[in-house]
Amino acid sequence: MIKLPDKAALLRQAQPGRAHWPARPADLTPEPAAPGEESVWDYPRPPVIRPAGASVRIEFGGEIIAHSDRAVKVCETAGAPVYYIPPDDIAMEFMEPRSHAISVCEWKGAAIYYDIVAGGRRAHEAAFSYPDPFDDLDEGYAAIAGWLGFYAGRVDAAWLGEERARPQDGGLYAGWVTSNIKGPIKGGPGTGHW
């Protein structure tokens, strides 16, 4: 199993990043959100966990890798929602942990990564998990401990209900863009300061 960095040390390192998140750029105008739509500029920072609102399905290599009615979404200012699926709703036999891949979120802590191997194909670092999320805030991140998030752009299809999600621009973030999400959404060129 992957050895995670010291949680207390990571949390200390996260504090400056948490304190310096800028407000919405003055020259940015959010797209209007109609009833039933969500603006990423109405999402808070630190991020919050909400029900997914629909079933979630992941397809890769001719297999259904995950299907869940219990998924949740993590919503953070300027980003498309990131969906997390409980491991009981994932065909874990297709998931291969990456022994060397770790990243750190200033809100949720250390993440580990998984390849998906199915149908004679491999999707490199297509999923990730927070095995031991930070718990210093009152946001309930412990609820997603061990749950997996999937990059929509690294699988054959990511579905929210009957809608196929598009990946958030830029490849860094794992947000799923659907028709009810209004931006502009960070990730593309020139959005690094959001």
N, C-alpha and C. Protein backbone atom coordinates (compact mmCIF):
# COMPACT_ATOMS: atom_id res chain seq x y z
N MET A 1 0.85 -1.20 0.00
CA MET A 1 0.00 0.00 0.00
C MET A 1 0.88 1.25 0.00
N ILE A 2 0.35 2.32 -0.50
CA ILE A 2 1.08 3.58 -0.59
C ILE A 2 1.21 4.21 0.79
N LYS A 3 2.41 4.64 1.10
CA LYS A 3 2.64 5.35 2.37
C LYS A 3 2.35 6.83 2.14
N LEU A 4 1.40 7.34 2.90
CA LEU A 4 1.01 8.74 2.78
C LEU A 4 1.95 9.62 3.60
N PRO A 5 2.17 10.86 3.17
CA PRO A 5 2.95 11.81 3.97
C PRO A 5 2.27 12.06 5.32
N ASP A 6 3.02 12.56 6.27
CA ASP A 6 2.50 12.88 7.60
C ASP A 6 1.35 13.88 7.48
N LYS A 7 0.19 13.49 8.00
CA LYS A 7 -1.01 14.31 7.85
C LYS A 7 -0.88 15.66 8.55
N ALA A 8 -0.32 15.67 9.74
CA ALA A 8 -0.18 16.93 10.48
C ALA A 8 0.74 17.90 9.73
N ALA A 9 1.82 17.38 9.17
CA ALA A 9 2.74 18.24 8.41
C ALA A 9 2.07 18.77 7.15
N LEU A 10 1.30 17.92 6.47
CA LEU A 10 0.58 18.38 5.27
C LEU A 10 -0.42 19.47 5.62
N LEU A 11 -1.09 19.29 6.74
CA LEU A 11 -2.08 20.29 7.15
C LEU A 11 -1.42 21.64 7.44
N ARG A 12 -0.26 21.62 8.08
CA ARG A 12 0.47 22.87 8.32
C ARG A 12 0.86 23.53 7.00
N GLN A 13 1.30 22.71 6.04
CA GLN A 13 1.71 23.25 4.74
C GLN A 13 0.52 23.81 3.96
N ALA A 14 -0.67 23.28 4.22
CA ALA A 14 -1.87 23.72 3.50
C ALA A 14 -2.38 25.08 3.95
N GLN A 15 -2.07 25.48 5.16
CA GLN A 15 -2.65 26.71 5.72
C GLN A 15 -2.39 27.96 4.87
N PRO A 16 -1.15 28.21 4.41
CA PRO A 16 -0.95 29.42 3.59
C PRO A 16 -1.78 29.41 2.30
N GLY A 17 -1.89 28.24 1.65
CA GLY A 17 -2.69 28.16 0.44
C GLY A 17 -4.15 28.43 0.69
N ARG A 18 -4.66 27.95 1.82
CA ARG A 18 -6.05 28.21 2.17
C ARG A 18 -6.30 29.70 2.40
N ALA A 19 -5.33 30.37 3.01
CA ALA A 19 -5.51 31.77 3.38
C ALA A 19 -5.42 32.73 2.20
N HIS A 20 -4.85 32.29 1.09
CA HIS A 20 -4.59 33.23 -0.01
C HIS A 20 -5.44 33.00 -1.26
N TRP A 21 -6.59 32.35 -1.10
CA TRP A 21 -7.46 32.21 -2.26
C TRP A 21 -8.04 33.57 -2.60
N PRO A 22 -7.92 34.01 -3.84
CA PRO A 22 -8.43 35.33 -4.21
C PRO A 22 -9.95 35.31 -4.41
N ALA A 23 -10.51 36.47 -4.36
CA ALA A 23 -11.92 36.63 -4.69
C ALA A 23 -12.07 36.49 -6.21
N ARG A 24 -13.30 36.45 -6.67
CA ARG A 24 -13.55 36.38 -8.12
C ARG A 24 -12.88 37.56 -8.80
N PRO A 25 -12.18 37.30 -9.91
CA PRO A 25 -11.55 38.42 -10.64
C PRO A 25 -12.59 39.48 -11.01
N ALA A 26 -12.22 40.73 -10.85
CA ALA A 26 -13.14 41.84 -11.09
C ALA A 26 -13.66 41.88 -12.52
N ASP A 27 -12.84 41.41 -13.48
CA ASP A 27 -13.25 41.48 -14.88
C ASP A 27 -14.01 40.23 -15.35
N LEU A 28 -14.34 39.33 -14.43
CA LEU A 28 -15.04 38.10 -14.79
C LEU A 28 -16.53 38.24 -14.52
N THR A 29 -17.33 37.91 -15.51
CA THR A 29 -18.79 37.95 -15.36
C THR A 29 -19.32 36.53 -15.43
N PRO A 30 -19.88 36.01 -14.34
CA PRO A 30 -20.45 34.66 -14.38
C PRO A 30 -21.61 34.57 -15.36
N GLU A 31 -21.74 33.40 -16.00
CA GLU A 31 -22.89 33.14 -16.85
C GLU A 31 -24.14 33.09 -15.98
N PRO A 32 -25.26 33.60 -16.44
CA PRO A 32 -26.47 33.53 -15.62
C PRO A 32 -26.93 32.08 -15.47
N ALA A 33 -27.42 31.75 -14.28
CA ALA A 33 -27.93 30.41 -13.99
C ALA A 33 -29.45 30.49 -13.83
N ALA A 34 -30.14 29.73 -14.63
CA ALA A 34 -31.60 29.67 -14.56
C ALA A 34 -32.02 28.64 -13.50
N PRO A 35 -33.30 28.58 -13.16
CA PRO A 35 -33.75 27.55 -12.21
C PRO A 35 -33.31 26.16 -12.69
N GLY A 36 -32.80 25.35 -11.77
CA GLY A 36 -32.31 24.02 -12.11
C GLY A 36 -30.85 23.99 -12.57
N GLU A 37 -30.25 25.17 -12.70
CA GLU A 37 -28.84 25.26 -13.08
C GLU A 37 -28.02 25.72 -11.88
N GLU A 38 -26.71 25.49 -11.95
CA GLU A 38 -25.80 25.88 -10.87
C GLU A 38 -24.65 26.67 -11.46
N SER A 39 -24.32 27.79 -10.83
CA SER A 39 -23.15 28.56 -11.21
C SER A 39 -21.98 28.11 -10.34
N VAL A 40 -20.84 27.84 -10.96
CA VAL A 40 -19.66 27.47 -10.19
C VAL A 40 -19.21 28.63 -9.31
N TRP A 41 -19.69 29.82 -9.60
CA TRP A 41 -19.32 30.99 -8.78
C TRP A 41 -20.19 31.12 -7.55
N ASP A 42 -21.23 30.27 -7.45
CA ASP A 42 -22.02 30.20 -6.22
C ASP A 42 -21.51 29.11 -5.29
N TYR A 43 -20.61 28.26 -5.77
CA TYR A 43 -20.02 27.24 -4.91
C TYR A 43 -19.07 27.90 -3.92
N PRO A 44 -18.98 27.37 -2.71
CA PRO A 44 -18.13 28.00 -1.69
C PRO A 44 -16.67 27.53 -1.74
N ARG A 45 -15.87 28.18 -0.99
CA ARG A 45 -14.50 27.76 -0.70
C ARG A 45 -14.30 28.00 0.78
N PRO A 46 -14.04 26.98 1.60
CA PRO A 46 -13.71 25.61 1.23
C PRO A 46 -14.89 24.89 0.58
N PRO A 47 -14.56 23.83 -0.19
CA PRO A 47 -15.61 23.10 -0.89
C PRO A 47 -16.57 22.38 0.05
N VAL A 48 -17.76 22.08 -0.48
CA VAL A 48 -18.78 21.36 0.28
C VAL A 48 -19.14 20.07 -0.44
N ILE A 49 -19.65 19.11 0.34
CA ILE A 49 -20.11 17.83 -0.19
C ILE A 49 -21.62 17.88 -0.28
N ARG A 50 -22.14 17.51 -1.46
CA ARG A 50 -23.58 17.49 -1.68
C ARG A 50 -23.97 16.16 -2.35
N PRO A 51 -25.23 15.76 -2.27
CA PRO A 51 -25.67 14.58 -3.01
C PRO A 51 -25.45 14.79 -4.51
N ALA A 52 -25.15 13.72 -5.22
CA ALA A 52 -24.91 13.82 -6.66
C ALA A 52 -26.15 14.29 -7.41
N GLY A 53 -27.32 13.91 -6.94
CA GLY A 53 -28.55 14.34 -7.59
C GLY A 53 -29.01 13.43 -8.71
N ALA A 54 -28.21 12.44 -9.07
CA ALA A 54 -28.55 11.48 -10.13
C ALA A 54 -27.59 10.30 -10.00
N SER A 55 -27.89 9.23 -10.69
CA SER A 55 -26.97 8.10 -10.69
C SER A 55 -25.71 8.48 -11.46
N VAL A 56 -24.61 7.82 -11.12
CA VAL A 56 -23.31 8.08 -11.74
C VAL A 56 -22.81 6.76 -12.30
N ARG A 57 -22.27 6.81 -13.54
CA ARG A 57 -21.76 5.59 -14.18
C ARG A 57 -20.45 5.90 -14.91
N ILE A 58 -19.49 4.99 -14.79
CA ILE A 58 -18.20 5.10 -15.46
C ILE A 58 -18.04 3.91 -16.38
N GLU A 59 -17.67 4.16 -17.64
CA GLU A 59 -17.44 3.09 -18.62
C GLU A 59 -16.02 3.20 -19.15
N PHE A 60 -15.37 2.04 -19.29
CA PHE A 60 -14.03 2.00 -19.88
C PHE A 60 -13.74 0.59 -20.36
N GLY A 61 -13.13 0.48 -21.53
CA GLY A 61 -12.71 -0.81 -22.07
C GLY A 61 -13.83 -1.80 -22.23
N GLY A 62 -15.03 -1.33 -22.54
CA GLY A 62 -16.17 -2.22 -22.72
C GLY A 62 -16.79 -2.71 -21.43
N GLU A 63 -16.38 -2.14 -20.30
CA GLU A 63 -16.89 -2.55 -18.98
C GLU A 63 -17.55 -1.38 -18.28
N ILE A 64 -18.52 -1.69 -17.43
CA ILE A 64 -19.04 -0.69 -16.51
C ILE A 64 -18.16 -0.76 -15.27
N ILE A 65 -17.35 0.24 -15.09
CA ILE A 65 -16.37 0.27 -14.01
C ILE A 65 -17.05 0.65 -12.69
N ALA A 66 -18.01 1.53 -12.77
CA ALA A 66 -18.72 1.97 -11.56
C ALA A 66 -20.14 2.36 -11.94
N HIS A 67 -21.05 2.09 -11.02
CA HIS A 67 -22.44 2.54 -11.17
C HIS A 67 -22.98 2.75 -9.77
N SER A 68 -23.46 3.96 -9.48
CA SER A 68 -23.88 4.26 -8.12
C SER A 68 -25.05 5.22 -8.08
N ASP A 69 -25.94 4.95 -7.15
CA ASP A 69 -27.00 5.89 -6.80
C ASP A 69 -26.67 6.59 -5.48
N ARG A 70 -25.46 6.30 -4.94
CA ARG A 70 -25.06 6.88 -3.66
C ARG A 70 -23.91 7.87 -3.79
N ALA A 71 -23.52 8.21 -5.01
CA ALA A 71 -22.40 9.12 -5.21
C ALA A 71 -22.70 10.50 -4.63
N VAL A 72 -21.64 11.22 -4.34
CA VAL A 72 -21.75 12.61 -3.89
C VAL A 72 -20.90 13.47 -4.80
N LYS A 73 -21.13 14.77 -4.75
CA LYS A 73 -20.30 15.70 -5.51
C LYS A 73 -19.67 16.69 -4.54
N VAL A 74 -18.44 17.06 -4.84
CA VAL A 74 -17.74 18.08 -4.08
C VAL A 74 -17.72 19.33 -4.94
N CYS A 75 -18.26 20.41 -4.40
CA CYS A 75 -18.41 21.66 -5.14
C CYS A 75 -17.51 22.73 -4.54
N GLU A 76 -16.68 23.34 -5.39
CA GLU A 76 -15.75 24.38 -4.96
C GLU A 76 -15.79 25.54 -5.94
N THR A 77 -15.67 26.74 -5.43
CA THR A 77 -15.70 27.95 -6.25
C THR A 77 -14.89 27.80 -7.53
N ALA A 78 -15.51 28.11 -8.64
CA ALA A 78 -14.90 28.19 -9.98
C ALA A 78 -14.68 26.85 -10.66
N GLY A 79 -14.88 25.73 -9.96
CA GLY A 79 -14.65 24.42 -10.56
C GLY A 79 -15.94 23.66 -10.79
N ALA A 80 -15.93 22.81 -11.82
CA ALA A 80 -17.07 21.91 -12.03
C ALA A 80 -17.10 20.89 -10.89
N PRO A 81 -18.28 20.36 -10.54
CA PRO A 81 -18.36 19.39 -9.45
C PRO A 81 -17.51 18.15 -9.73
N VAL A 82 -16.91 17.63 -8.66
CA VAL A 82 -16.15 16.38 -8.73
C VAL A 82 -16.98 15.31 -8.02
N TYR A 83 -17.24 14.21 -8.72
CA TYR A 83 -18.11 13.15 -8.20
C TYR A 83 -17.28 12.05 -7.56
N TYR A 84 -17.72 11.59 -6.37
CA TYR A 84 -17.06 10.52 -5.63
C TYR A 84 -18.02 9.36 -5.46
N ILE A 85 -17.50 8.15 -5.69
CA ILE A 85 -18.30 6.94 -5.68
C ILE A 85 -17.79 6.00 -4.60
N PRO A 86 -18.69 5.42 -3.79
CA PRO A 86 -18.22 4.48 -2.77
C PRO A 86 -17.63 3.22 -3.41
N PRO A 87 -16.57 2.66 -2.81
CA PRO A 87 -15.90 1.50 -3.42
C PRO A 87 -16.82 0.30 -3.62
N ASP A 88 -17.88 0.16 -2.80
CA ASP A 88 -18.81 -0.96 -2.99
C ASP A 88 -19.56 -0.87 -4.31
N ASP A 89 -19.59 0.31 -4.93
CA ASP A 89 -20.29 0.50 -6.20
C ASP A 89 -19.32 0.55 -7.38
N ILE A 90 -18.07 0.12 -7.16
CA ILE A 90 -17.03 0.12 -8.18
C ILE A 90 -16.53 -1.29 -8.38
N ALA A 91 -16.31 -1.69 -9.63
CA ALA A 91 -15.71 -2.99 -9.94
C ALA A 91 -14.21 -2.86 -9.68
N MET A 92 -13.82 -3.03 -8.42
CA MET A 92 -12.44 -2.76 -8.01
C MET A 92 -11.43 -3.69 -8.67
N GLU A 93 -11.89 -4.80 -9.25
CA GLU A 93 -10.95 -5.68 -9.95
C GLU A 93 -10.33 -5.01 -11.17
N PHE A 94 -10.94 -3.92 -11.64
CA PHE A 94 -10.39 -3.17 -12.77
C PHE A 94 -9.49 -2.00 -12.32
N MET A 95 -9.41 -1.79 -11.01
CA MET A 95 -8.67 -0.65 -10.47
C MET A 95 -7.29 -1.11 -9.99
N GLU A 96 -6.25 -0.44 -10.45
CA GLU A 96 -4.88 -0.78 -10.06
C GLU A 96 -4.23 0.43 -9.39
N PRO A 97 -3.95 0.34 -8.08
CA PRO A 97 -3.33 1.49 -7.40
C PRO A 97 -1.97 1.81 -7.98
N ARG A 98 -1.66 3.09 -8.07
CA ARG A 98 -0.34 3.56 -8.53
C ARG A 98 0.52 3.77 -7.29
N SER A 99 1.61 3.06 -7.19
CA SER A 99 2.40 3.09 -5.96
C SER A 99 3.15 4.41 -5.77
N HIS A 100 3.36 5.15 -6.83
CA HIS A 100 4.17 6.36 -6.74
C HIS A 100 3.38 7.66 -6.87
N ALA A 101 2.10 7.59 -7.12
CA ALA A 101 1.33 8.78 -7.44
C ALA A 101 0.58 9.31 -6.22
N ILE A 102 0.95 10.49 -5.79
CA ILE A 102 0.28 11.17 -4.68
C ILE A 102 0.20 12.65 -5.04
N SER A 103 -0.91 13.27 -4.70
CA SER A 103 -1.02 14.73 -4.80
C SER A 103 -1.65 15.23 -3.51
N VAL A 104 -1.64 16.54 -3.31
CA VAL A 104 -2.18 17.10 -2.08
C VAL A 104 -3.14 18.24 -2.41
N CYS A 105 -4.32 18.16 -1.85
CA CYS A 105 -5.32 19.23 -1.92
C CYS A 105 -5.27 19.98 -0.59
N GLU A 106 -5.25 21.29 -0.64
CA GLU A 106 -5.17 22.06 0.59
C GLU A 106 -6.40 21.90 1.46
N TRP A 107 -7.51 21.42 0.89
CA TRP A 107 -8.74 21.24 1.67
C TRP A 107 -8.94 19.81 2.13
N LYS A 108 -8.62 18.84 1.25
CA LYS A 108 -8.94 17.44 1.55
C LYS A 108 -7.74 16.59 1.93
N GLY A 109 -6.52 17.03 1.66
CA GLY A 109 -5.34 16.27 2.06
C GLY A 109 -4.69 15.49 0.93
N ALA A 110 -4.06 14.36 1.28
CA ALA A 110 -3.28 13.57 0.32
C ALA A 110 -4.18 12.61 -0.45
N ALA A 111 -4.02 12.62 -1.78
CA ALA A 111 -4.78 11.72 -2.66
C ALA A 111 -3.84 10.69 -3.27
N ILE A 112 -4.36 9.49 -3.45
CA ILE A 112 -3.65 8.44 -4.18
C ILE A 112 -4.40 8.19 -5.49
N TYR A 113 -3.69 7.60 -6.46
CA TYR A 113 -4.25 7.45 -7.80
C TYR A 113 -4.36 5.99 -8.21
N TYR A 114 -5.25 5.75 -9.18
CA TYR A 114 -5.49 4.42 -9.71
C TYR A 114 -5.50 4.46 -11.22
N ASP A 115 -4.94 3.42 -11.84
CA ASP A 115 -5.16 3.16 -13.26
C ASP A 115 -6.41 2.30 -13.37
N ILE A 116 -7.09 2.39 -14.50
CA ILE A 116 -8.16 1.44 -14.82
C ILE A 116 -7.61 0.52 -15.89
N VAL A 117 -7.72 -0.78 -15.68
CA VAL A 117 -7.25 -1.76 -16.65
C VAL A 117 -8.43 -2.65 -17.02
N ALA A 118 -8.90 -2.52 -18.27
CA ALA A 118 -10.07 -3.27 -18.72
C ALA A 118 -10.06 -3.36 -20.24
N GLY A 119 -10.54 -4.48 -20.76
CA GLY A 119 -10.65 -4.64 -22.21
C GLY A 119 -9.32 -4.54 -22.93
N GLY A 120 -8.24 -4.94 -22.28
CA GLY A 120 -6.93 -4.87 -22.90
C GLY A 120 -6.37 -3.46 -22.98
N ARG A 121 -6.97 -2.51 -22.25
CA ARG A 121 -6.52 -1.12 -22.27
C ARG A 121 -6.23 -0.64 -20.86
N ARG A 122 -5.48 0.44 -20.77
CA ARG A 122 -5.14 1.05 -19.48
C ARG A 122 -5.42 2.55 -19.55
N ALA A 123 -6.14 3.05 -18.57
CA ALA A 123 -6.35 4.49 -18.40
C ALA A 123 -5.48 4.93 -17.23
N HIS A 124 -4.40 5.63 -17.53
CA HIS A 124 -3.43 6.03 -16.52
C HIS A 124 -4.00 7.08 -15.57
N GLU A 125 -3.89 6.79 -14.29
CA GLU A 125 -4.32 7.72 -13.24
C GLU A 125 -5.69 8.33 -13.54
N ALA A 126 -6.62 7.46 -13.87
CA ALA A 126 -7.97 7.89 -14.23
C ALA A 126 -8.87 8.10 -13.02
N ALA A 127 -8.43 7.61 -11.86
CA ALA A 127 -9.23 7.75 -10.64
C ALA A 127 -8.30 8.09 -9.48
N PHE A 128 -8.89 8.61 -8.41
CA PHE A 128 -8.12 9.00 -7.23
C PHE A 128 -8.99 8.87 -6.00
N SER A 129 -8.33 8.88 -4.85
CA SER A 129 -9.05 8.72 -3.59
C SER A 129 -8.29 9.45 -2.49
N TYR A 130 -9.02 9.90 -1.49
CA TYR A 130 -8.44 10.48 -0.28
C TYR A 130 -8.62 9.45 0.84
N PRO A 131 -7.60 8.63 1.13
CA PRO A 131 -7.77 7.58 2.15
C PRO A 131 -7.99 8.13 3.55
N ASP A 132 -7.40 9.28 3.87
CA ASP A 132 -7.49 9.85 5.21
C ASP A 132 -7.60 11.37 5.08
N PRO A 133 -8.77 11.87 4.69
CA PRO A 133 -8.91 13.31 4.43
C PRO A 133 -8.67 14.16 5.68
N PHE A 134 -8.29 15.42 5.42
CA PHE A 134 -8.20 16.38 6.52
C PHE A 134 -9.55 16.43 7.23
N ASP A 135 -9.50 16.66 8.53
CA ASP A 135 -10.74 16.74 9.31
C ASP A 135 -10.76 17.96 10.22
N ASP A 136 -9.94 18.95 9.90
CA ASP A 136 -9.85 20.14 10.75
C ASP A 136 -10.99 21.13 10.50
N LEU A 137 -11.62 21.04 9.36
CA LEU A 137 -12.76 21.91 9.05
C LEU A 137 -14.05 21.17 9.35
N ASP A 138 -15.13 21.87 9.40
CA ASP A 138 -16.41 21.23 9.70
C ASP A 138 -17.17 20.90 8.41
N GLU A 139 -16.45 20.43 7.39
CA GLU A 139 -17.06 20.19 6.09
C GLU A 139 -17.39 18.71 5.84
N GLY A 140 -16.97 17.82 6.73
CA GLY A 140 -17.33 16.41 6.60
C GLY A 140 -16.57 15.64 5.55
N TYR A 141 -15.33 16.03 5.27
CA TYR A 141 -14.55 15.34 4.23
C TYR A 141 -14.28 13.89 4.58
N ALA A 142 -14.35 13.53 5.86
CA ALA A 142 -14.16 12.13 6.25
C ALA A 142 -15.20 11.23 5.58
N ALA A 143 -16.33 11.78 5.19
CA ALA A 143 -17.39 10.99 4.55
C ALA A 143 -16.94 10.40 3.21
N ILE A 144 -15.93 11.00 2.56
CA ILE A 144 -15.48 10.47 1.28
C ILE A 144 -14.16 9.70 1.40
N ALA A 145 -13.74 9.39 2.62
CA ALA A 145 -12.51 8.62 2.81
C ALA A 145 -12.62 7.28 2.07
N GLY A 146 -11.68 7.02 1.16
CA GLY A 146 -11.68 5.77 0.41
C GLY A 146 -12.60 5.74 -0.80
N TRP A 147 -13.45 6.74 -0.97
CA TRP A 147 -14.30 6.80 -2.15
C TRP A 147 -13.44 7.25 -3.33
N LEU A 148 -13.83 6.90 -4.55
CA LEU A 148 -13.03 7.25 -5.72
C LEU A 148 -13.72 8.30 -6.58
N GLY A 149 -12.90 9.26 -7.02
CA GLY A 149 -13.32 10.22 -8.03
C GLY A 149 -12.69 9.81 -9.36
N PHE A 150 -13.36 10.09 -10.46
CA PHE A 150 -12.88 9.71 -11.78
C PHE A 150 -12.78 10.94 -12.68
N TYR A 151 -11.71 10.99 -13.47
CA TYR A 151 -11.55 12.03 -14.48
C TYR A 151 -12.40 11.66 -15.69
N ALA A 152 -13.35 12.51 -16.03
CA ALA A 152 -14.23 12.22 -17.17
C ALA A 152 -13.46 12.11 -18.48
N GLY A 153 -12.34 12.82 -18.61
CA GLY A 153 -11.57 12.79 -19.84
C GLY A 153 -10.62 11.61 -19.96
N ARG A 154 -10.51 10.78 -18.94
CA ARG A 154 -9.59 9.63 -18.97
C ARG A 154 -10.31 8.30 -19.06
N VAL A 155 -11.64 8.34 -19.14
CA VAL A 155 -12.45 7.13 -19.29
C VAL A 155 -13.22 7.24 -20.60
N ASP A 156 -13.82 6.14 -21.01
CA ASP A 156 -14.59 6.19 -22.26
C ASP A 156 -15.86 7.02 -22.12
N ALA A 157 -16.49 6.94 -20.96
CA ALA A 157 -17.69 7.75 -20.72
C ALA A 157 -17.93 7.87 -19.23
N ALA A 158 -18.31 9.07 -18.82
CA ALA A 158 -18.73 9.36 -17.45
C ALA A 158 -20.15 9.92 -17.56
N TRP A 159 -21.07 9.28 -16.88
CA TRP A 159 -22.48 9.64 -17.00
C TRP A 159 -23.03 10.15 -15.68
N LEU A 160 -23.79 11.23 -15.74
CA LEU A 160 -24.58 11.72 -14.63
C LEU A 160 -26.03 11.59 -15.07
N GLY A 161 -26.70 10.60 -14.53
CA GLY A 161 -28.04 10.27 -15.02
C GLY A 161 -27.93 9.85 -16.48
N GLU A 162 -28.69 10.49 -17.35
CA GLU A 162 -28.66 10.17 -18.78
C GLU A 162 -27.75 11.09 -19.58
N GLU A 163 -27.06 11.99 -18.89
CA GLU A 163 -26.20 12.94 -19.59
C GLU A 163 -24.73 12.54 -19.49
N ARG A 164 -24.07 12.53 -20.63
CA ARG A 164 -22.64 12.25 -20.66
C ARG A 164 -21.88 13.52 -20.27
N ALA A 165 -21.05 13.40 -19.24
CA ALA A 165 -20.30 14.56 -18.75
C ALA A 165 -19.08 14.80 -19.62
N ARG A 166 -18.71 16.07 -19.71
CA ARG A 166 -17.47 16.47 -20.38
C ARG A 166 -16.44 16.76 -19.29
N PRO A 167 -15.16 16.58 -19.61
CA PRO A 167 -14.14 16.90 -18.60
C PRO A 167 -13.96 18.41 -18.45
N GLN A 168 -13.61 18.81 -17.25
CA GLN A 168 -13.23 20.20 -16.99
C GLN A 168 -11.96 20.49 -17.78
N ASP A 169 -11.87 21.66 -18.38
CA ASP A 169 -10.71 22.03 -19.19
C ASP A 169 -9.40 21.93 -18.41
N GLY A 170 -8.34 21.68 -19.13
CA GLY A 170 -6.99 21.76 -18.57
C GLY A 170 -6.39 20.46 -18.11
N GLY A 171 -7.19 19.46 -17.78
CA GLY A 171 -6.66 18.18 -17.38
C GLY A 171 -6.22 18.06 -15.93
N LEU A 172 -6.06 19.17 -15.21
CA LEU A 172 -5.63 19.11 -13.82
C LEU A 172 -6.78 18.75 -12.89
N TYR A 173 -7.93 19.35 -13.12
CA TYR A 173 -9.08 19.16 -12.24
C TYR A 173 -9.95 18.02 -12.75
N ALA A 174 -10.64 17.36 -11.82
CA ALA A 174 -11.47 16.20 -12.18
C ALA A 174 -12.95 16.55 -12.26
N GLY A 175 -13.27 17.82 -12.45
CA GLY A 175 -14.67 18.22 -12.52
C GLY A 175 -15.37 17.68 -13.75
N TRP A 176 -16.66 17.42 -13.57
CA TRP A 176 -17.52 16.97 -14.66
C TRP A 176 -18.41 18.14 -15.08
N VAL A 177 -18.37 18.48 -16.35
CA VAL A 177 -19.17 19.57 -16.88
C VAL A 177 -20.42 18.97 -17.53
N THR A 178 -21.56 19.42 -17.05
CA THR A 178 -22.85 19.01 -17.61
C THR A 178 -23.63 20.25 -18.00
N SER A 179 -24.75 20.05 -18.68
CA SER A 179 -25.50 21.18 -19.24
C SER A 179 -26.05 22.13 -18.18
N ASN A 180 -26.21 21.68 -16.94
CA ASN A 180 -26.78 22.56 -15.91
C ASN A 180 -25.71 23.34 -15.15
N ILE A 181 -24.44 23.19 -15.51
CA ILE A 181 -23.35 23.88 -14.83
C ILE A 181 -22.96 25.12 -15.64
N LYS A 182 -22.94 26.26 -14.99
CA LYS A 182 -22.60 27.52 -15.65
C LYS A 182 -21.27 28.05 -15.11
N GLY A 183 -20.51 28.67 -15.98
CA GLY A 183 -19.17 29.14 -15.64
C GLY A 183 -19.07 30.65 -15.72
N PRO A 184 -17.91 31.10 -16.18
CA PRO A 184 -16.78 30.33 -16.68
C PRO A 184 -16.16 29.44 -15.60
N ILE A 185 -15.58 28.31 -16.07
CA ILE A 185 -15.02 27.29 -15.20
C ILE A 185 -13.51 27.32 -15.31
N LYS A 186 -12.82 27.29 -14.17
CA LYS A 186 -11.34 27.32 -14.19
C LYS A 186 -10.79 26.05 -14.82
N GLY A 187 -9.54 26.14 -15.24
CA GLY A 187 -8.86 24.98 -15.82
C GLY A 187 -8.18 25.30 -17.14
N GLY A 188 -8.80 26.14 -17.93
CA GLY A 188 -8.24 26.50 -19.23
C GLY A 188 -7.14 27.55 -19.10
N PRO A 189 -6.50 27.90 -20.21
CA PRO A 189 -5.45 28.92 -20.19
C PRO A 189 -5.96 30.24 -19.59
N GLY A 190 -5.13 30.84 -18.75
CA GLY A 190 -5.45 32.13 -18.16
C GLY A 190 -6.33 32.07 -16.92
N THR A 191 -6.63 30.86 -16.43
CA THR A 191 -7.50 30.74 -15.27
C THR A 191 -6.77 30.27 -14.02
N GLY A 192 -5.47 30.16 -14.07
CA GLY A 192 -4.69 29.65 -12.95
C GLY A 192 -4.82 30.47 -11.68
N HIS A 193 -5.16 31.75 -11.79
CA HIS A 193 -5.28 32.61 -10.61
C HIS A 193 -6.68 32.55 -9.98
N TRP A 194 -7.59 31.75 -10.53
CA TRP A 194 -8.92 31.63 -9.97
C TRP A 194 -8.85 30.70 -8.79
